[in-house]
C-alpha atoms as a PDB file:
ATOM      1  CA  MET A   1     -16.414 -10.917  -8.908  1.00  0.00           C
ATOM      2  CA  ASN A   2     -13.491  -8.496  -9.271  1.00  0.00           C
ATOM      3  CA  ILE A   3     -13.664  -5.147  -7.474  1.00  0.00           C
ATOM      4  CA  ASN A   4     -11.042  -2.385  -7.346  1.00  0.00           C
ATOM      5  CA  PHE A   5     -10.585  -0.196  -4.259  1.00  0.00           C
ATOM      6  CA  MET A   6      -8.284   2.696  -3.488  1.00  0.00           C
ATOM      7  CA  LEU A   7      -6.988   2.800   0.063  1.00  0.00           C
ATOM      8  CA  LYS A   8      -5.098   5.565   1.875  1.00  0.00           C
ATOM      9  CA  VAL A   9      -3.028   4.515   4.878  1.00  0.00           C
ATOM     10  CA  GLU A  10      -0.545   6.014   7.313  1.00  0.00           C
ATOM     11  CA  ASP A  11       2.532   4.130   8.485  1.00  0.00           C
ATOM     12  CA  ALA A  12       1.768   0.828   6.742  1.00  0.00           C
ATOM     13  CA  LYS A  13       3.652  -1.328   4.275  1.00  0.00           C
ATOM     14  CA  MET A  14       2.045  -3.173   1.378  1.00  0.00           C
ATOM     15  CA  VAL A  15       2.895  -6.552   2.874  1.00  0.00           C
ATOM     16  CA  ASP A  16       1.171  -5.603   6.139  1.00  0.00           C
ATOM     17  CA  ILE A  17      -1.954  -4.486   4.281  1.00  0.00           C
ATOM     18  CA  LYS A  18      -2.028  -7.720   2.284  1.00  0.00           C
ATOM     19  CA  LYS A  19      -1.653  -9.857   5.424  1.00  0.00           C
ATOM     20  CA  ALA A  20      -4.448  -7.934   7.193  1.00  0.00           C
ATOM     21  CA  LEU A  21      -6.834  -8.302   4.269  1.00  0.00           C
ATOM     22  CA  GLU A  22      -6.066 -11.989   3.783  1.00  0.00           C
ATOM     23  CA  GLY A  23      -6.435 -12.519   7.526  1.00  0.00           C
ATOM     24  CA  ALA A  24      -9.968 -11.125   7.187  1.00  0.00           C
ATOM     25  CA  GLY A  25     -10.697 -13.650   4.428  1.00  0.00           C
ATOM     26  CA  ILE A  26     -10.282 -11.208   1.526  1.00  0.00           C
ATOM     27  CA  LYS A  27      -8.455 -12.622  -1.500  1.00  0.00           C
ATOM     28  CA  VAL A  28      -5.894 -10.046  -2.719  1.00  0.00           C
ATOM     29  CA  ARG A  29      -4.930 -10.195  -6.396  1.00  0.00           C
ATOM     30  CA  SER A  30      -2.505  -7.260  -6.376  1.00  0.00           C
ATOM     31  CA  ILE A  31      -1.514  -4.121  -4.509  1.00  0.00           C
ATOM     32  CA  GLN A  32       0.017  -1.146  -6.285  1.00  0.00           C
ATOM     33  CA  GLU A  33       1.497   1.984  -4.774  1.00  0.00           C
ATOM     34  CA  VAL A  34      -0.009   4.921  -6.636  1.00  0.00           C
ATOM     35  CA  TYR A  35       1.122   8.003  -4.761  1.00  0.00           C
ATOM     36  CA  LYS A  36       3.253   8.757  -1.723  1.00  0.00           C
ATOM     37  CA  GLU A  37       3.069  12.092   0.098  1.00  0.00           C
ATOM     38  CA  GLY A  38       4.755  13.692   3.087  1.00  0.00           C
ATOM     39  CA  GLU A  39       8.304  14.139   4.329  1.00  0.00           C
ATOM     40  CA  GLY A  40       9.108  10.415   4.339  1.00  0.00           C
ATOM     41  CA  ALA A  41       8.271  10.163   0.648  1.00  0.00           C
ATOM     42  CA  GLN A  42      10.648  12.976  -0.242  1.00  0.00           C
ATOM     43  CA  LYS A  43      13.524  11.367   1.682  1.00  0.00           C
ATOM     44  CA  GLU A  44      12.958   8.016  -0.038  1.00  0.00           C
ATOM     45  CA  GLU A  45      12.912   9.673  -3.486  1.00  0.00           C
ATOM     46  CA  GLU A  46      16.196  11.484  -2.740  1.00  0.00           C
ATOM     47  CA  SER A  47      17.929   8.316  -1.550  1.00  0.00           C
ATOM     48  CA  ALA A  48      16.770   6.423  -4.660  1.00  0.00           C
ATOM     49  CA  ALA A  49      18.413   9.008  -6.965  1.00  0.00           C
END
């Protein structure tokens, strides 16, 4: 069975989320960043430009 979830986190990286889920026995097919908000997001966008 395939199920999609949307998750909001603070101060976490995708790799950490994947490790936590797999550690709980949850098979992760993919993780996608959809939206980033806050001051940290703005600084990262500026440095990428």
